[in-house]
Amino acid sequence: MSRKKRINTVPDDIVDKLPAGARVNFRKKNGEYVVAVWMNKRDWLVGCPLLHLDGKPNEYFGLGYDGDVVSLVDEQGV
């Protein structure tokens, strides 16, 4: 059984240094893009870094498990 390579376009060393609350563009495995908030926490069972859907703090995503970070959100909206 082969493992699918992560598709993160933001390097892991940058993602790991993001402050809690940083907003990122997140591509879910179904291809949908959403804005998510970096939580700077890990899932206790799987160990993947966690994000939550922007505006809905009870909807979580696991980085590499539910999808991947595509880019950081530009706060100026440019």
PDB file of N, CA and C in Angstrom:
ATOM      1  N   MET A   1       0.839  -1.168   0.000  1.00  0.00           N
ATOM      2  CA  MET A   1       0.000   0.000   0.000  1.00  0.00           C
ATOM      3  C   MET A   1       0.893   1.243   0.000  1.00  0.00           C
ATOM      4  N   SER A   2       0.687   2.117  -0.969  1.00  0.00           N
ATOM      5  CA  SER A   2       1.504   3.323  -1.046  1.00  0.00           C
ATOM      6  C   SER A   2       0.760   4.492  -0.423  1.00  0.00           C
ATOM      7  N   ARG A   3       1.511   5.387   0.158  1.00  0.00           N
ATOM      8  CA  ARG A   3       0.926   6.583   0.748  1.00  0.00           C
ATOM      9  C   ARG A   3       0.991   7.715  -0.254  1.00  0.00           C
ATOM     10  N   LYS A   4      -0.073   8.483  -0.310  1.00  0.00           N
ATOM     11  CA  LYS A   4      -0.116   9.627  -1.202  1.00  0.00           C
ATOM     12  C   LYS A   4       0.735  10.748  -0.620  1.00  0.00           C
ATOM     13  N   LYS A   5       1.572  11.355  -1.460  1.00  0.00           N
ATOM     14  CA  LYS A   5       2.420  12.443  -1.009  1.00  0.00           C
ATOM     15  C   LYS A   5       1.567  13.667  -0.701  1.00  0.00           C
ATOM     16  N   ARG A   6       1.908  14.362   0.390  1.00  0.00           N
ATOM     17  CA  ARG A   6       1.187  15.584   0.740  1.00  0.00           C
ATOM     18  C   ARG A   6       1.337  16.612  -0.357  1.00  0.00           C
ATOM     19  N   ILE A   7       0.286  17.393  -0.555  1.00  0.00           N
ATOM     20  CA  ILE A   7       0.283  18.375  -1.629  1.00  0.00           C
ATOM     21  C   ILE A   7       0.449  19.799  -1.115  1.00  0.00           C
ATOM     22  N   ASN A   8       0.868  19.958   0.136  1.00  0.00           N
ATOM     23  CA  ASN A   8       1.059  21.288   0.694  1.00  0.00           C
ATOM     24  C   ASN A   8       1.926  22.131  -0.213  1.00  0.00           C
ATOM     25  N   THR A   9       1.458  23.321  -0.560  1.00  0.00           N
ATOM     26  CA  THR A   9       2.292  24.217  -1.340  1.00  0.00           C
ATOM     27  C   THR A   9       3.030  25.201  -0.441  1.00  0.00           C
ATOM     28  N   VAL A  10       2.613  25.303   0.808  1.00  0.00           N
ATOM     29  CA  VAL A  10       3.349  26.086   1.795  1.00  0.00           C
ATOM     30  C   VAL A  10       4.269  25.102   2.526  1.00  0.00           C
ATOM     31  N   PRO A  11       5.595  25.350   2.510  1.00  0.00           N
ATOM     32  CA  PRO A  11       6.522  24.392   3.135  1.00  0.00           C
ATOM     33  C   PRO A  11       6.231  24.155   4.611  1.00  0.00           C
ATOM     34  N   ASP A  12       6.498  22.925   5.061  1.00  0.00           N
ATOM     35  CA  ASP A  12       6.226  22.544   6.451  1.00  0.00           C
ATOM     36  C   ASP A  12       6.924  23.447   7.449  1.00  0.00           C
ATOM     37  N   ASP A  13       8.158  23.884   7.157  1.00  0.00           N
ATOM     38  CA  ASP A  13       8.871  24.723   8.124  1.00  0.00           C
ATOM     39  C   ASP A  13       8.181  26.077   8.305  1.00  0.00           C
ATOM     40  N   ILE A  14       7.479  26.575   7.291  1.00  0.00           N
ATOM     41  CA  ILE A  14       6.723  27.825   7.423  1.00  0.00           C
ATOM     42  C   ILE A  14       5.412  27.560   8.151  1.00  0.00           C
ATOM     43  N   VAL A  15       4.724  26.491   7.784  1.00  0.00           N
ATOM     44  CA  VAL A  15       3.453  26.152   8.426  1.00  0.00           C
ATOM     45  C   VAL A  15       3.655  25.927   9.921  1.00  0.00           C
ATOM     46  N   ASP A  16       4.717  25.241  10.299  1.00  0.00           N
ATOM     47  CA  ASP A  16       4.969  24.956  11.709  1.00  0.00           C
ATOM     48  C   ASP A  16       5.256  26.213  12.528  1.00  0.00           C
ATOM     49  N   LYS A  17       5.668  27.300  11.872  1.00  0.00           N
ATOM     50  CA  LYS A  17       5.986  28.546  12.575  1.00  0.00           C
ATOM     51  C   LYS A  17       4.846  29.553  12.561  1.00  0.00           C
ATOM     52  N   LEU A  18       3.716  29.207  11.948  1.00  0.00           N
ATOM     53  CA  LEU A  18       2.585  30.127  11.908  1.00  0.00           C
ATOM     54  C   LEU A  18       2.065  30.387  13.309  1.00  0.00           C
ATOM     55  N   PRO A  19       1.726  31.630  13.615  1.00  0.00           N
ATOM     56  CA  PRO A  19       1.133  31.899  14.931  1.00  0.00           C
ATOM     57  C   PRO A  19      -0.319  31.424  14.962  1.00  0.00           C
ATOM     58  N   ALA A  20      -0.786  31.053  16.126  1.00  0.00           N
ATOM     59  CA  ALA A  20      -2.190  30.661  16.271  1.00  0.00           C
ATOM     60  C   ALA A  20      -3.066  31.818  15.807  1.00  0.00           C
ATOM     61  N   GLY A  21      -4.095  31.508  15.037  1.00  0.00           N
ATOM     62  CA  GLY A  21      -4.998  32.524  14.532  1.00  0.00           C
ATOM     63  C   GLY A  21      -4.681  32.989  13.118  1.00  0.00           C
ATOM     64  N   ALA A  22      -3.578  32.521  12.536  1.00  0.00           N
ATOM     65  CA  ALA A  22      -3.231  32.899  11.159  1.00  0.00           C
ATOM     66  C   ALA A  22      -4.260  32.302  10.202  1.00  0.00           C
ATOM     67  N   ARG A  23      -4.694  33.102   9.230  1.00  0.00           N
ATOM     68  CA  ARG A  23      -5.695  32.643   8.257  1.00  0.00           C
ATOM     69  C   ARG A  23      -4.983  32.121   7.020  1.00  0.00           C
ATOM     70  N   VAL A  24      -5.436  30.969   6.529  1.00  0.00           N
ATOM     71  CA  VAL A  24      -4.830  30.327   5.364  1.00  0.00           C
ATOM     72  C   VAL A  24      -5.908  29.855   4.393  1.00  0.00           C
ATOM     73  N   ASN A  25      -5.535  29.747   3.130  1.00  0.00           N
ATOM     74  CA  ASN A  25      -6.401  29.125   2.132  1.00  0.00           C
ATOM     75  C   ASN A  25      -6.141  27.632   2.219  1.00  0.00           C
ATOM     76  N   PHE A  26      -7.202  26.859   2.346  1.00  0.00           N
ATOM     77  CA  PHE A  26      -7.100  25.417   2.579  1.00  0.00           C
ATOM     78  C   PHE A  26      -7.866  24.679   1.486  1.00  0.00           C
ATOM     79  N   ARG A  27      -7.196  23.719   0.848  1.00  0.00           N
ATOM     80  CA  ARG A  27      -7.856  22.898  -0.177  1.00  0.00           C
ATOM     81  C   ARG A  27      -8.229  21.563   0.440  1.00  0.00           C
ATOM     82  N   LYS A  28      -9.539  21.333   0.524  1.00  0.00           N
ATOM     83  CA  LYS A  28     -10.025  20.071   1.073  1.00  0.00           C
ATOM     84  C   LYS A  28      -9.811  18.955   0.051  1.00  0.00           C
ATOM     85  N   LYS A  29      -9.835  17.721   0.501  1.00  0.00           N
ATOM     86  CA  LYS A  29      -9.591  16.580  -0.390  1.00  0.00           C
ATOM     87  C   LYS A  29     -10.600  16.480  -1.519  1.00  0.00           C
ATOM     88  N   ASN A  30     -11.800  17.064  -1.353  1.00  0.00           N
ATOM     89  CA  ASN A  30     -12.792  17.023  -2.425  1.00  0.00           C
ATOM     90  C   ASN A  30     -12.560  18.131  -3.455  1.00  0.00           C
ATOM     91  N   GLY A  31     -11.501  18.943  -3.275  1.00  0.00           N
ATOM     92  CA  GLY A  31     -11.161  19.996  -4.217  1.00  0.00           C
ATOM     93  C   GLY A  31     -11.708  21.360  -3.860  1.00  0.00           C
ATOM     94  N   GLU A  32     -12.538  21.436  -2.832  1.00  0.00           N
ATOM     95  CA  GLU A  32     -13.127  22.705  -2.410  1.00  0.00           C
ATOM     96  C   GLU A  32     -12.081  23.533  -1.662  1.00  0.00           C
ATOM     97  N   TYR A  33     -12.077  24.837  -1.932  1.00  0.00           N
ATOM     98  CA  TYR A  33     -11.177  25.764  -1.243  1.00  0.00           C
ATOM     99  C   TYR A  33     -11.959  26.533  -0.186  1.00  0.00           C
ATOM    100  N   VAL A  34     -11.395  26.633   1.011  1.00  0.00           N
ATOM    101  CA  VAL A  34     -12.018  27.382   2.102  1.00  0.00           C
ATOM    102  C   VAL A  34     -10.929  28.177   2.824  1.00  0.00           C
ATOM    103  N   VAL A  35     -11.349  29.186   3.573  1.00  0.00           N
ATOM    104  CA  VAL A  35     -10.417  29.913   4.438  1.00  0.00           C
ATOM    105  C   VAL A  35     -10.492  29.255   5.808  1.00  0.00           C
ATOM    106  N   ALA A  36      -9.336  28.896   6.330  1.00  0.00           N
ATOM    107  CA  ALA A  36      -9.261  28.225   7.628  1.00  0.00           C
ATOM    108  C   ALA A  36      -8.330  29.007   8.543  1.00  0.00           C
ATOM    109  N   VAL A  37      -8.444  28.752   9.834  1.00  0.00           N
ATOM    110  CA  VAL A  37      -7.628  29.428  10.841  1.00  0.00           C
ATOM    111  C   VAL A  37      -6.700  28.404  11.490  1.00  0.00           C
ATOM    112  N   TRP A  38      -5.408  28.716  11.485  1.00  0.00           N
ATOM    113  CA  TRP A  38      -4.386  27.856  12.074  1.00  0.00           C
ATOM    114  C   TRP A  38      -4.533  27.870  13.587  1.00  0.00           C
ATOM    115  N   MET A  39      -4.631  26.690  14.195  1.00  0.00           N
ATOM    116  CA  MET A  39      -4.854  26.600  15.641  1.00  0.00           C
ATOM    117  C   MET A  39      -3.565  26.386  16.429  1.00  0.00           C
ATOM    118  N   ASN A  40      -2.503  25.966  15.762  1.00  0.00           N
ATOM    119  CA  ASN A  40      -1.235  25.659  16.415  1.00  0.00           C
ATOM    120  C   ASN A  40      -1.402  24.566  17.475  1.00  0.00           C
ATOM    121  N   LYS A  41      -2.294  23.597  17.169  1.00  0.00           N
ATOM    122  CA  LYS A  41      -2.525  22.428  18.016  1.00  0.00           C
ATOM    123  C   LYS A  41      -2.523  21.198  17.121  1.00  0.00           C
ATOM    124  N   ARG A  42      -2.404  20.028  17.730  1.00  0.00           N
ATOM    125  CA  ARG A  42      -2.416  18.779  16.977  1.00  0.00           C
ATOM    126  C   ARG A  42      -3.545  17.878  17.454  1.00  0.00           C
ATOM    127  N   ASP A  43      -4.067  17.096  16.523  1.00  0.00           N
ATOM    128  CA  ASP A  43      -5.075  16.100  16.852  1.00  0.00           C
ATOM    129  C   ASP A  43      -4.446  15.075  17.788  1.00  0.00           C
ATOM    130  N   TRP A  44      -5.098  14.751  18.868  1.00  0.00           N
ATOM    131  CA  TRP A  44      -4.516  13.845  19.862  1.00  0.00           C
ATOM    132  C   TRP A  44      -4.411  12.418  19.365  1.00  0.00           C
ATOM    133  N   LEU A  45      -5.262  12.018  18.425  1.00  0.00           N
ATOM    134  CA  LEU A  45      -5.272  10.635  17.953  1.00  0.00           C
ATOM    135  C   LEU A  45      -4.357  10.428  16.753  1.00  0.00           C
ATOM    136  N   VAL A  46      -4.489  11.279  15.758  1.00  0.00           N
ATOM    137  CA  VAL A  46      -3.725  11.119  14.513  1.00  0.00           C
ATOM    138  C   VAL A  46      -2.407  11.883  14.572  1.00  0.00           C
ATOM    139  N   GLY A  47      -2.382  13.023  15.254  1.00  0.00           N
ATOM    140  CA  GLY A  47      -1.166  13.807  15.384  1.00  0.00           C
ATOM    141  C   GLY A  47      -1.008  14.892  14.327  1.00  0.00           C
ATOM    142  N   CYS A  48      -2.015  15.059  13.454  1.00  0.00           N
ATOM    143  CA  CYS A  48      -1.887  16.072  12.406  1.00  0.00           C
ATOM    144  C   CYS A  48      -2.233  17.456  12.964  1.00  0.00           C
ATOM    145  N   PRO A  49      -1.581  18.500  12.438  1.00  0.00           N
ATOM    146  CA  PRO A  49      -1.895  19.864  12.865  1.00  0.00           C
ATOM    147  C   PRO A  49      -3.350  20.198  12.533  1.00  0.00           C
ATOM    148  N   LEU A  50      -3.983  21.018  13.382  1.00  0.00           N
ATOM    149  CA  LEU A  50      -5.400  21.333  13.224  1.00  0.00           C
ATOM    150  C   LEU A  50      -5.643  22.770  12.776  1.00  0.00           C
ATOM    151  N   LEU A  51      -6.695  22.931  11.998  1.00  0.00           N
ATOM    152  CA  LEU A  51      -7.209  24.222  11.588  1.00  0.00           C
ATOM    153  C   LEU A  51      -8.715  24.178  11.796  1.00  0.00           C
ATOM    154  N   HIS A  52      -9.339  25.346  11.896  1.00  0.00           N
ATOM    155  CA  HIS A  52     -10.800  25.355  11.938  1.00  0.00           C
ATOM    156  C   HIS A  52     -11.312  26.290  10.854  1.00  0.00           C
ATOM    157  N   LEU A  53     -12.510  26.031  10.411  1.00  0.00           N
ATOM    158  CA  LEU A  53     -13.129  26.823   9.360  1.00  0.00           C
ATOM    159  C   LEU A  53     -13.317  28.247   9.860  1.00  0.00           C
ATOM    160  N   ASP A  54     -12.911  29.215   9.045  1.00  0.00           N
ATOM    161  CA  ASP A  54     -13.014  30.618   9.420  1.00  0.00           C
ATOM    162  C   ASP A  54     -14.474  30.969   9.695  1.00  0.00           C
ATOM    163  N   GLY A  55     -14.745  31.473  10.869  1.00  0.00           N
ATOM    164  CA  GLY A  55     -16.106  31.839  11.256  1.00  0.00           C
ATOM    165  C   GLY A  55     -16.895  30.703  11.886  1.00  0.00           C
ATOM    166  N   LYS A  56     -16.366  29.496  11.858  1.00  0.00           N
ATOM    167  CA  LYS A  56     -17.043  28.330  12.454  1.00  0.00           C
ATOM    168  C   LYS A  56     -16.013  27.527  13.257  1.00  0.00           C
ATOM    169  N   PRO A  57     -15.724  27.954  14.484  1.00  0.00           N
ATOM    170  CA  PRO A  57     -14.659  27.318  15.261  1.00  0.00           C
ATOM    171  C   PRO A  57     -14.917  25.866  15.656  1.00  0.00           C
ATOM    172  N   ASN A  58     -16.110  25.341  15.397  1.00  0.00           N
ATOM    173  CA  ASN A  58     -16.390  23.941  15.742  1.00  0.00           C
ATOM    174  C   ASN A  58     -16.210  22.995  14.568  1.00  0.00           C
ATOM    175  N   GLU A  59     -15.799  23.499  13.404  1.00  0.00           N
ATOM    176  CA  GLU A  59     -15.535  22.656  12.237  1.00  0.00           C
ATOM    177  C   GLU A  59     -14.030  22.595  12.016  1.00  0.00           C
ATOM    178  N   TYR A  60     -13.437  21.427  12.299  1.00  0.00           N
ATOM    179  CA  TYR A  60     -11.999  21.264  12.265  1.00  0.00           C
ATOM    180  C   TYR A  60     -11.529  20.535  11.005  1.00  0.00           C
ATOM    181  N   PHE A  61     -10.282  20.838  10.618  1.00  0.00           N
ATOM    182  CA  PHE A  61      -9.608  20.136   9.528  1.00  0.00           C
ATOM    183  C   PHE A  61      -8.247  19.695  10.029  1.00  0.00           C
ATOM    184  N   GLY A  62      -7.821  18.511   9.628  1.00  0.00           N
ATOM    185  CA  GLY A  62      -6.484  18.034   9.928  1.00  0.00           C
ATOM    186  C   GLY A  62      -5.588  18.242   8.724  1.00  0.00           C
ATOM    187  N   LEU A  63      -4.480  18.934   8.916  1.00  0.00           N
ATOM    188  CA  LEU A  63      -3.529  19.196   7.833  1.00  0.00           C
ATOM    189  C   LEU A  63      -2.923  17.887   7.351  1.00  0.00           C
ATOM    190  N   GLY A  64      -3.033  17.628   6.064  1.00  0.00           N
ATOM    191  CA  GLY A  64      -2.520  16.395   5.488  1.00  0.00           C
ATOM    192  C   GLY A  64      -3.507  15.245   5.573  1.00  0.00           C
ATOM    193  N   TYR A  65      -4.513  15.371   6.413  1.00  0.00           N
ATOM    194  CA  TYR A  65      -5.521  14.333   6.591  1.00  0.00           C
ATOM    195  C   TYR A  65      -6.810  14.707   5.862  1.00  0.00           C
ATOM    196  N   ASP A  66      -7.279  15.923   6.086  1.00  0.00           N
ATOM    197  CA  ASP A  66      -8.493  16.416   5.429  1.00  0.00           C
ATOM    198  C   ASP A  66      -8.186  17.291   4.220  1.00  0.00           C
ATOM    199  N   GLY A  67      -6.954  17.715   4.070  1.00  0.00           N
ATOM    200  CA  GLY A  67      -6.560  18.580   2.969  1.00  0.00           C
ATOM    201  C   GLY A  67      -5.237  19.247   3.277  1.00  0.00           C
ATOM    202  N   ASP A  68      -4.928  20.302   2.529  1.00  0.00           N
ATOM    203  CA  ASP A  68      -3.632  20.949   2.681  1.00  0.00           C
ATOM    204  C   ASP A  68      -3.717  22.457   2.540  1.00  0.00           C
ATOM    205  N   VAL A  69      -2.745  23.138   3.130  1.00  0.00           N
ATOM    206  CA  VAL A  69      -2.642  24.590   3.030  1.00  0.00           C
ATOM    207  C   VAL A  69      -2.100  24.938   1.660  1.00  0.00           C
ATOM    208  N   VAL A  70      -2.790  25.864   0.993  1.00  0.00           N
ATOM    209  CA  VAL A  70      -2.361  26.305  -0.338  1.00  0.00           C
ATOM    210  C   VAL A  70      -1.568  27.591  -0.241  1.00  0.00           C
ATOM    211  N   SER A  71      -2.054  28.524   0.574  1.00  0.00           N
ATOM    212  CA  SER A  71      -1.360  29.807   0.719  1.00  0.00           C
ATOM    213  C   SER A  71      -1.848  30.499   1.997  1.00  0.00           C
ATOM    214  N   LEU A  72      -1.133  31.529   2.361  1.00  0.00           N
ATOM    215  CA  LEU A  72      -1.554  32.371   3.462  1.00  0.00           C
ATOM    216  C   LEU A  72      -2.549  33.393   2.925  1.00  0.00           C
ATOM    217  N   VAL A  73      -3.519  33.777   3.735  1.00  0.00           N
ATOM    218  CA  VAL A  73      -4.501  34.789   3.325  1.00  0.00           C
ATOM    219  C   VAL A  73      -3.878  36.160   3.486  1.00  0.00           C
ATOM    220  N   ASP A  74      -3.978  36.963   2.437  1.00  0.00           N
ATOM    221  CA  ASP A  74      -3.474  38.330   2.478  1.00  0.00           C
ATOM    222  C   ASP A  74      -4.470  39.174   3.261  1.00  0.00           C
ATOM    223  N   GLU A  75      -4.062  39.700   4.395  1.00  0.00           N
ATOM    224  CA  GLU A  75      -4.966  40.446   5.280  1.00  0.00           C
ATOM    225  C   GLU A  75      -5.485  41.742   4.642  1.00  0.00           C
ATOM    226  N   GLN A  76      -4.767  42.300   3.646  1.00  0.00           N
ATOM    227  CA  GLN A  76      -5.223  43.516   2.997  1.00  0.00           C
ATOM    228  C   GLN A  76      -6.235  43.230   1.913  1.00  0.00           C
ATOM    229  N   GLY A  77      -6.433  41.952   1.570  1.00  0.00           N
ATOM    230  CA  GLY A  77      -7.397  41.583   0.550  1.00  0.00           C
ATOM    231  C   GLY A  77      -6.912  41.839  -0.863  1.00  0.00           C
ATOM    232  N   VAL A  78      -5.598  41.988  -1.036  1.00  0.00           N
ATOM    233  CA  VAL A  78      -5.033  42.245  -2.362  1.00  0.00           C
ATOM    234  C   VAL A  78      -4.726  40.942  -3.053  1.00  0.00           C
TER     235      VAL A  78
END
